[in-house]
Protein backbone atom coordinates (compact mmCIF):
# COMPACT_ATOMS: atom_id res chain seq x y z
CA UNK A 1 -9.92 -25.56 324.73
CA UNK A 2 -8.43 -24.13 321.57
CA UNK A 3 -10.57 -21.77 319.49
CA UNK A 4 -8.65 -23.04 316.47
CA UNK A 5 -10.54 -26.33 316.88
CA UNK A 6 -13.61 -24.54 315.49
CA UNK A 7 -13.35 -23.74 311.78
CA UNK A 8 -16.22 -21.24 311.89
CA UNK A 9 -14.39 -19.03 314.38
CA UNK A 10 -11.70 -18.35 311.78
CA UNK A 11 -14.28 -16.65 309.53
CA UNK A 12 -14.52 -13.36 311.42
CA UNK A 13 -17.84 -14.38 312.94
CA UNK A 14 -18.91 -13.70 316.52
CA UNK A 15 -21.24 -16.54 317.39
CA UNK A 16 -23.55 -15.75 320.31
CA UNK A 17 -26.42 -18.14 319.57
CA UNK A 18 -25.31 -21.21 321.51
CA UNK A 19 -28.75 -21.64 323.03
CA UNK A 20 -30.00 -22.60 319.56
CA UNK A 21 -27.05 -24.85 318.73
CA UNK A 22 -23.38 -24.93 319.60
CA UNK A 23 -20.48 -24.83 317.19
CA UNK A 24 -18.76 -28.13 316.40
CA UNK A 25 -15.03 -28.72 316.87
CA UNK A 26 -13.19 -30.31 313.98
CA UNK A 27 -12.84 -33.65 315.76
CA UNK A 28 -16.62 -34.12 315.70
CA UNK A 29 -16.83 -33.70 311.92
CA UNK A 30 -13.83 -35.98 311.55
CA UNK A 31 -15.45 -38.73 313.60
CA UNK A 32 -18.64 -38.55 311.53
CA UNK A 33 -16.67 -38.53 308.28
CA UNK A 34 -14.57 -41.47 309.46
CA UNK A 35 -17.70 -43.54 310.04
CA UNK A 36 -19.12 -42.82 306.60
CA UNK A 37 -15.79 -43.32 304.84
CA UNK A 38 -14.20 -46.21 306.69
CA UNK A 39 -16.71 -48.44 308.50
CA UNK A 40 -20.19 -47.45 307.35
CA UNK A 41 -22.08 -50.60 308.36
CA UNK A 42 -25.33 -50.81 310.32
CA UNK A 43 -25.45 -51.21 314.09
CA UNK A 44 -26.57 -54.43 315.78
CA UNK A 45 -27.33 -56.03 312.40
CA UNK A 46 -24.16 -57.78 311.24
CA UNK A 47 -21.80 -60.60 312.19
CA UNK A 48 -18.75 -59.23 310.40
CA UNK A 49 -15.88 -57.01 311.51
CA UNK A 50 -17.19 -53.73 310.08
CA UNK A 51 -20.51 -54.13 311.83
CA UNK A 52 -18.86 -55.16 315.08
CA UNK A 53 -16.72 -52.02 314.92
CA UNK A 54 -19.89 -49.96 314.57
CA UNK A 55 -21.43 -51.76 317.53
CA UNK A 56 -18.39 -51.01 319.67
CA UNK A 57 -18.43 -47.31 318.78
CA UNK A 58 -22.19 -46.99 319.18
CA UNK A 59 -22.36 -48.77 322.53
CA UNK A 60 -19.16 -47.03 323.58
CA UNK A 61 -21.00 -43.73 323.31
CA UNK A 62 -23.78 -45.13 325.49
CA UNK A 63 -21.19 -45.81 328.17
CA UNK A 64 -19.73 -42.32 327.74
CA UNK A 65 -23.19 -40.78 328.21
CA UNK A 66 -23.89 -42.96 331.23
CA UNK A 67 -20.68 -41.83 332.89
CA UNK A 68 -21.15 -38.20 331.79
CA UNK A 69 -24.46 -37.89 333.68
CA UNK A 70 -23.62 -40.62 336.24
CA UNK A 71 -26.49 -42.95 335.39
CA UNK A 72 -26.51 -46.34 337.02
CA UNK A 73 -26.64 -48.56 333.95
CA UNK A 74 -26.15 -48.36 330.20
CA UNK A 75 -29.73 -49.52 329.67
CA UNK A 76 -30.95 -46.26 331.22
CA UNK A 77 -29.52 -44.36 328.23
CA UNK A 78 -31.80 -44.27 325.18
CA UNK A 79 -30.68 -42.62 321.95
CA UNK A 80 -33.29 -40.44 320.25
CA UNK A 81 -33.34 -37.78 317.53
CA UNK A 82 -33.12 -34.95 320.07
CA UNK A 83 -34.59 -33.52 323.26
CA UNK A 84 -37.96 -33.02 321.55
CA UNK A 85 -38.10 -36.69 320.59
CA UNK A 86 -37.00 -37.68 324.10
CA UNK A 87 -39.74 -35.62 325.75
CA UNK A 88 -42.37 -37.04 323.40
CA UNK A 89 -41.25 -40.59 324.17
CA UNK A 90 -41.44 -39.86 327.89
CA UNK A 91 -44.81 -38.12 327.77
CA UNK A 92 -46.59 -40.42 325.32
CA UNK A 93 -44.71 -43.61 326.17
CA UNK A 94 -44.97 -43.38 329.94
CA UNK A 95 -47.33 -40.68 331.15
CA UNK A 96 -50.09 -41.44 328.65
CA UNK A 97 -50.52 -44.73 330.52
CA UNK A 98 -49.61 -43.44 333.99
CA UNK A 99 -51.92 -40.44 334.24
CA UNK A 100 -55.68 -40.59 334.66
CA UNK A 101 -58.43 -38.09 333.98
CA UNK A 102 -58.12 -34.94 336.13
CA UNK A 103 -54.55 -35.75 337.18
CA UNK A 104 -52.40 -32.62 337.16
CA UNK A 105 -49.14 -31.78 335.40
CA UNK A 106 -47.18 -28.74 336.55
CA UNK A 107 -45.02 -26.78 334.09
CA UNK A 108 -44.09 -23.08 333.82
CA UNK A 109 -44.81 -20.38 331.29
CA UNK A 110 -41.11 -20.15 330.48
CA UNK A 111 -40.86 -23.72 329.16
CA UNK A 112 -39.79 -24.52 325.60
CA UNK A 113 -42.51 -25.64 323.19
CA UNK A 114 -41.19 -29.20 323.36
CA UNK A 115 -42.12 -29.30 327.03
CA UNK A 116 -45.50 -27.66 326.52
CA UNK A 117 -47.18 -28.89 323.34
CA UNK A 118 -47.00 -32.63 324.13
CA UNK A 119 -48.77 -31.94 327.42
CA UNK A 120 -51.47 -29.96 325.61
CA UNK A 121 -51.97 -32.92 323.28
CA UNK A 122 -52.20 -35.33 326.20
CA UNK A 123 -54.64 -33.00 327.91
CA UNK A 124 -56.95 -33.21 324.90
CA UNK A 125 -56.50 -36.97 324.67
CA UNK A 126 -57.06 -38.12 328.28
CA UNK A 127 -58.41 -34.96 329.94
CA UNK A 128 -55.58 -34.25 332.35
CA UNK A 129 -54.99 -30.78 333.78
CA UNK A 130 -51.98 -28.66 332.83
CA UNK A 131 -51.24 -25.92 335.35
CA UNK A 132 -48.39 -23.47 335.85
CA UNK A 133 -45.92 -22.86 338.64
CA UNK A 134 -45.82 -19.07 339.15
CA UNK A 135 -42.55 -17.27 338.49
CA UNK A 136 -40.96 -14.86 340.95
CA UNK A 137 -38.84 -12.31 339.10
CA UNK A 138 -39.09 -14.70 336.13
CA UNK A 139 -37.56 -17.54 338.18
CA UNK A 140 -38.85 -20.75 339.74
CA UNK A 141 -38.57 -20.99 343.52
CA UNK A 142 -39.07 -24.01 345.73
CA UNK A 143 -41.77 -22.15 347.64
CA UNK A 144 -43.71 -21.50 344.44
CA UNK A 145 -43.46 -25.18 343.59
CA UNK A 146 -44.71 -26.17 347.03
CA UNK A 147 -47.60 -23.70 346.79
CA UNK A 148 -48.61 -25.01 343.36
CA UNK A 149 -48.82 -28.68 344.24
CA UNK A 150 -52.26 -30.14 344.89
CA UNK A 151 -53.46 -33.63 345.74
CA UNK A 152 -54.00 -34.08 341.99
CA UNK A 153 -50.39 -33.30 341.03
CA UNK A 154 -48.69 -36.38 339.59
CA UNK A 155 -45.78 -34.93 337.58
CA UNK A 156 -43.65 -31.80 337.39
CA UNK A 157 -42.02 -31.19 334.01
CA UNK A 158 -39.55 -28.30 333.89
CA UNK A 159 -36.30 -27.19 332.31
CA UNK A 160 -33.17 -27.21 334.44
CA UNK A 161 -32.14 -23.97 332.70
CA UNK A 162 -34.66 -22.12 330.55
CA UNK A 163 -33.77 -21.00 327.05
CA UNK A 164 -34.98 -17.38 327.32
CA UNK A 165 -34.79 -16.27 330.96
CA UNK A 166 -31.82 -18.53 331.62
CA UNK A 167 -32.72 -19.13 335.26
CA UNK A 168 -31.11 -22.14 336.89
CA UNK A 169 -33.83 -23.98 338.76
CA UNK A 170 -33.16 -25.55 342.19
CA UNK A 171 -34.00 -28.95 340.77
CA UNK A 172 -32.43 -31.03 343.53
CA UNK A 173 -34.63 -29.38 346.14
CA UNK A 174 -37.68 -29.48 343.86
CA UNK A 175 -37.19 -33.17 343.12
CA UNK A 176 -36.68 -34.04 346.79
CA UNK A 177 -39.90 -32.29 347.77
CA UNK A 178 -41.83 -33.71 344.81
CA UNK A 179 -40.76 -37.25 345.66
CA UNK A 180 -41.94 -36.74 349.25
CA UNK A 181 -45.37 -36.19 347.69
CA UNK A 182 -45.03 -39.18 345.28
CA UNK A 183 -44.72 -36.83 342.32
CA UNK A 184 -42.47 -37.73 339.39
CA UNK A 185 -40.19 -35.13 337.82
CA UNK A 186 -39.09 -34.69 334.20
CA UNK A 187 -36.10 -32.45 333.58
CA UNK A 188 -35.53 -30.79 330.20
CA UNK A 189 -31.74 -30.59 330.16
CA UNK A 190 -31.33 -29.12 326.68
CA UNK A 191 -29.79 -25.90 328.03
CA UNK A 192 -27.96 -27.36 331.03
CA UNK A 193 -26.19 -30.62 330.18
CA UNK A 194 -23.68 -28.80 327.94
CA UNK A 195 -22.91 -26.13 330.52
CA UNK A 196 -22.78 -27.68 333.98
CA UNK A 197 -22.14 -31.05 335.57
CA UNK A 198 -25.28 -33.18 335.82
CA UNK A 199 -25.39 -36.12 338.24
CA UNK A 200 -28.72 -37.88 337.80
CA UNK A 201 -28.20 -40.04 340.88
CA UNK A 202 -27.32 -37.14 343.17
CA UNK A 203 -30.22 -35.09 341.80
CA UNK A 204 -32.50 -38.17 341.86
CA UNK A 205 -33.89 -37.28 338.41
CA UNK A 206 -36.70 -39.54 337.15
CA UNK A 207 -36.46 -38.59 333.46
CA UNK A 208 -33.97 -36.34 331.66
CA UNK A 209 -33.97 -35.20 328.01
CA UNK A 210 -31.19 -33.45 326.11
CA UNK A 211 -29.74 -32.96 322.61
CA UNK A 212 -26.27 -33.57 321.18
CA UNK A 213 -26.22 -30.49 318.96
CA UNK A 214 -26.27 -28.07 321.91
CA UNK A 215 -23.19 -29.76 323.39
CA UNK A 216 -20.79 -29.70 320.39
CA UNK A 217 -22.30 -32.83 318.82
CA UNK A 218 -24.18 -33.48 315.57
CA UNK A 219 -27.79 -32.55 314.92
CA UNK A 220 -30.44 -35.25 314.90
CA UNK A 221 -29.25 -37.03 318.06
CA UNK A 222 -30.51 -36.85 321.61
CA UNK A 223 -30.67 -38.75 324.85
CA UNK A 224 -33.55 -39.97 326.96
CA UNK A 225 -32.42 -40.92 330.45
CA UNK A 226 -34.81 -42.62 332.81
CA UNK A 227 -34.55 -44.67 335.95
CA UNK A 228 -34.58 -48.32 334.98
CA UNK A 229 -37.75 -49.08 336.94
CA UNK A 230 -39.57 -46.28 335.09
CA UNK A 231 -38.21 -47.16 331.65
CA UNK A 232 -39.38 -50.75 332.19
CA UNK A 233 -42.93 -49.37 332.25
CA UNK A 234 -42.59 -47.17 329.18
CA UNK A 235 -44.47 -48.26 326.09
CA UNK A 236 -42.71 -47.74 322.77
CA UNK A 237 -44.35 -45.20 320.50
CA UNK A 238 -42.30 -46.36 317.48
CA UNK A 239 -42.27 -50.00 316.39
CA UNK A 240 -40.07 -51.80 313.89
CA UNK A 241 -36.74 -53.44 313.30
CA UNK A 242 -34.20 -53.82 316.05
CA UNK A 243 -36.66 -53.61 318.96
CA UNK A 244 -38.26 -57.04 318.57
CA UNK A 245 -36.93 -60.50 319.38
CA UNK A 246 -39.57 -62.29 317.32
CA UNK A 247 -43.07 -62.04 315.86
CA UNK A 248 -45.47 -64.47 314.21
CA UNK A 249 -48.14 -64.21 311.50
CA UNK A 250 -50.90 -64.33 314.13
CA UNK A 251 -49.61 -61.20 315.84
CA UNK A 252 -47.68 -62.97 318.56
CA UNK A 253 -44.59 -60.91 319.28
CA UNK A 254 -41.77 -60.62 321.77
CA UNK A 255 -39.96 -57.32 322.24
CA UNK A 256 -36.37 -56.81 323.31
CA UNK A 257 -35.34 -55.38 326.64
CA UNK A 258 -33.95 -51.89 327.17
CA UNK A 259 -32.37 -50.02 325.51
CA UNK A 260 -33.21 -51.74 322.18
CA UNK A 261 -36.91 -51.65 323.06
CA UNK A 262 -36.96 -47.87 322.58
CA UNK A 263 -34.58 -47.64 319.61
CA UNK A 264 -36.56 -49.13 316.73
CA UNK A 265 -35.14 -48.71 313.23
CA UNK A 266 -31.67 -47.82 312.06
CA UNK A 267 -30.42 -45.08 314.38
CA UNK A 268 -28.37 -42.00 313.54
CA UNK A 269 -25.17 -44.00 313.94
CA UNK A 270 -22.81 -41.29 312.76
CA UNK A 271 -24.51 -38.81 315.05
CA UNK A 272 -24.22 -41.07 318.06
CA UNK A 273 -20.52 -41.59 317.35
CA UNK A 274 -20.12 -37.83 317.04
CA UNK A 275 -21.87 -37.38 320.39
CA UNK A 276 -19.30 -39.68 321.92
CA UNK A 277 -16.48 -37.50 320.59
CA UNK A 278 -18.25 -34.39 321.91
CA UNK A 279 -18.40 -35.88 325.39
CA UNK A 280 -14.70 -36.70 325.25
CA UNK A 281 -14.00 -33.10 324.24
CA UNK A 282 -16.10 -31.69 327.08
CA UNK A 283 -14.56 -34.08 329.59
CA UNK A 284 -11.11 -32.94 328.51
CA UNK A 285 -12.01 -29.32 329.33
CA UNK A 286 -13.95 -30.20 332.48
CA UNK A 287 -17.58 -29.29 333.11
CA UNK A 288 -16.73 -27.39 336.30
CA UNK A 289 -14.27 -25.27 334.33
CA UNK A 290 -16.89 -24.58 331.66
CA UNK A 291 -19.49 -23.55 334.25
CA UNK A 292 -17.11 -21.19 336.04
CA UNK A 293 -15.88 -19.59 332.81
CA UNK A 294 -19.42 -18.97 331.56
CA UNK A 295 -20.53 -17.51 334.89
CA UNK A 296 -17.64 -15.04 334.88
CA UNK A 297 -18.19 -14.15 331.22
CA UNK A 298 -21.91 -13.62 331.79
CA UNK A 299 -21.18 -11.21 334.65
CA UNK A 300 -18.72 -9.32 332.48
CA UNK A 301 -21.17 -9.19 329.57
CA UNK A 302 -24.05 -7.85 331.66
CA UNK A 303 -21.89 -5.12 333.15
CA UNK A 304 -20.68 -4.08 329.69
CA UNK A 305 -24.15 -4.20 328.14
CA UNK A 306 -25.40 -1.81 330.80
CA UNK A 307 -23.28 0.81 329.06
CA UNK A 308 -25.58 0.63 326.02
CA UNK A 309 -28.11 3.45 325.80
CA UNK A 310 -31.77 2.41 326.06
CA UNK A 311 -30.97 -1.28 326.62
CA UNK A 312 -33.48 -3.40 328.54
CA UNK A 313 -32.00 -6.55 330.09
CA UNK A 314 -34.72 -8.95 331.22
CA UNK A 315 -32.64 -11.52 333.14
CA UNK A 316 -29.70 -9.65 334.61
CA UNK A 317 -29.54 -11.83 337.72
CA UNK A 318 -29.83 -15.28 336.18
CA UNK A 319 -26.63 -17.29 336.55
CA UNK A 320 -26.55 -19.10 333.20
CA UNK A 321 -24.83 -17.80 330.08
CA UNK A 322 -28.09 -16.54 328.58
CA UNK A 323 -28.79 -12.79 328.30
CA UNK A 324 -32.13 -11.63 326.96
CA UNK A 325 -32.54 -7.99 326.01
CA UNK A 326 -34.05 -5.36 323.75
CA UNK A 327 -33.15 -1.83 322.75
CA UNK A 328 -35.98 0.60 323.44
CA UNK A 329 -38.16 1.29 320.40
CA UNK A 330 -36.29 -1.20 318.18
CA UNK A 331 -37.96 -4.41 317.04
CA UNK A 332 -35.95 -7.46 318.12
CA UNK A 333 -35.59 -8.97 314.63
CA UNK A 334 -34.49 -5.61 313.23
CA UNK A 335 -31.79 -5.43 315.86
CA UNK A 336 -30.60 -8.97 315.06
CA UNK A 337 -30.39 -8.11 311.36
CA UNK A 338 -28.44 -4.96 312.22
CA UNK A 339 -25.96 -7.01 314.29
CA UNK A 340 -25.61 -9.47 311.42
CA UNK A 341 -24.16 -6.63 309.32
CA UNK A 342 -21.24 -6.73 311.75
CA UNK A 343 -21.00 -10.56 311.68
CA UNK A 344 -22.57 -10.91 315.13
CA UNK A 345 -24.94 -13.87 315.43
CA UNK A 346 -27.74 -13.57 318.00
CA UNK A 347 -31.25 -14.99 318.23
CA UNK A 348 -34.36 -12.84 317.97
CA UNK A 349 -38.02 -13.77 318.42
CA UNK A 350 -39.95 -15.68 321.04
CA UNK A 351 -37.40 -18.52 321.18
CA UNK A 352 -40.04 -21.29 321.13
CA UNK A 353 -41.34 -20.06 324.51
CA UNK A 354 -44.50 -18.49 323.20
CA UNK A 355 -46.39 -18.14 326.48
CA UNK A 356 -43.51 -16.45 328.31
CA UNK A 357 -44.89 -13.16 326.98
CA UNK A 358 -47.51 -13.45 329.74
CA UNK A 359 -44.70 -13.05 332.27
CA UNK A 360 -42.29 -10.55 330.68
CA UNK A 361 -44.95 -8.49 328.92
CA UNK A 362 -43.32 -8.61 325.48
CA UNK A 363 -43.39 -11.18 322.71
CA UNK A 364 -40.03 -10.79 320.97
CA UNK A 365 -36.57 -10.31 322.43
CA UNK A 366 -32.92 -10.62 321.42
CA UNK A 367 -30.88 -13.35 323.05
CA UNK A 368 -27.16 -13.72 323.56
CA UNK A 369 -26.22 -17.22 324.69
CA UNK A 370 -22.62 -17.84 325.64
CA UNK A 371 -20.34 -20.87 325.56
CA UNK A 372 -16.78 -21.56 326.61
CA UNK A 373 -15.27 -20.43 323.28
CA UNK A 374 -16.73 -16.94 323.57
CA UNK A 375 -14.47 -14.17 324.87
CA UNK A 376 -14.51 -10.79 326.58
CA UNK A 377 -13.18 -9.28 323.36
CA UNK A 378 -16.29 -10.50 321.53
CA UNK A 379 -18.48 -8.92 324.20
CA UNK A 380 -16.58 -5.64 323.86
CA UNK A 381 -17.16 -5.68 320.11
CA UNK A 382 -20.88 -6.38 320.57
CA UNK A 383 -21.19 -3.46 322.98
CA UNK A 384 -19.31 -1.14 320.63
CA UNK A 385 -21.67 -2.04 317.79
CA UNK A 386 -24.73 -1.53 320.01
CA UNK A 387 -23.36 1.82 321.14
CA UNK A 388 -23.38 3.14 317.59
CA UNK A 389 -25.13 6.51 317.94
CA UNK A 390 -26.69 6.03 314.50
CA UNK A 391 -28.11 2.58 315.22
CA UNK A 392 -31.74 3.67 314.92
CA UNK A 393 -31.03 5.55 311.72
CA UNK A 394 -29.23 2.52 310.27
CA UNK A 395 -32.13 0.20 311.11
CA UNK A 396 -34.76 2.60 309.83
């Protein structure tokens, strides 16, 4: 990896908000620009060379994604507008028809809104139950999962890595136990797919959702992975061009097979092509190398941050590159604005995990989220800025 691949990093900015979105290397922008400038035809719509070139690039990315997460078949990879769209397609396309009244869904209070609100909507619609796996030291344990399951539990829907606490869940063990109880498992991979190797076959994941923009790719693109036998029972929630083989005036209609069935309308072609380039970039670095680098940098960052007076670190022991903290008696957003004066970009607020406050006892926090282009020197600078003895005076 070369930091010079990222234009933004030449602007004297320290970017520590990778949990919200990652930076994009120049090759991603170039691939998107090349599509719009040189072969900007539609996908799966034309019988001419430009359109066939688009088809090859678009479907080539599907193959790259399949190999990246080790899915069995290309048809198990569905392109969406992002992890939120993927989760909605899973929940309303599959589980709306799978679950019955009083069936139970298990989530946690540290889930992102995209893995909470759709379940609340489905609860109101078909009267299912939404219950919570307790957290131990803000983390999910297999024992807590086992103790939460009842004879009504039909699905567990959790993040692999959460976006605030940053705990890495033991999803392989959770999935194995859940399957022994005939419980399906949805994994929100928005914070994990970009940072660690995911093997959906080894983990035996039923459904997986993630976004391109958190893994160097463009915004507005995501992936829905599902086992073929499950996707074959999903009902589209969007209908239109590209997903039908034929229809008649009397309402007779025949829909295409996967993956076209779940990709109605003109897709974000440029975004999908950009996702393909992002995967190539990540593969070139190596996901194991990325995971190791981030783990070491996180350890370094936590140790340095402990030098800051009055700092409260909420997830010191989590192994992901996410660090959530506050400075005593300073409002989180005020602290983020203060850091911005020194060109340091962090996230402040509730981070779309609005019920996590029940667990950590505070609504708003600051979040540093690391990626492979961050450095120890950037951490040192952050700590020096936070150690400013006049910080409270400056904020006030």
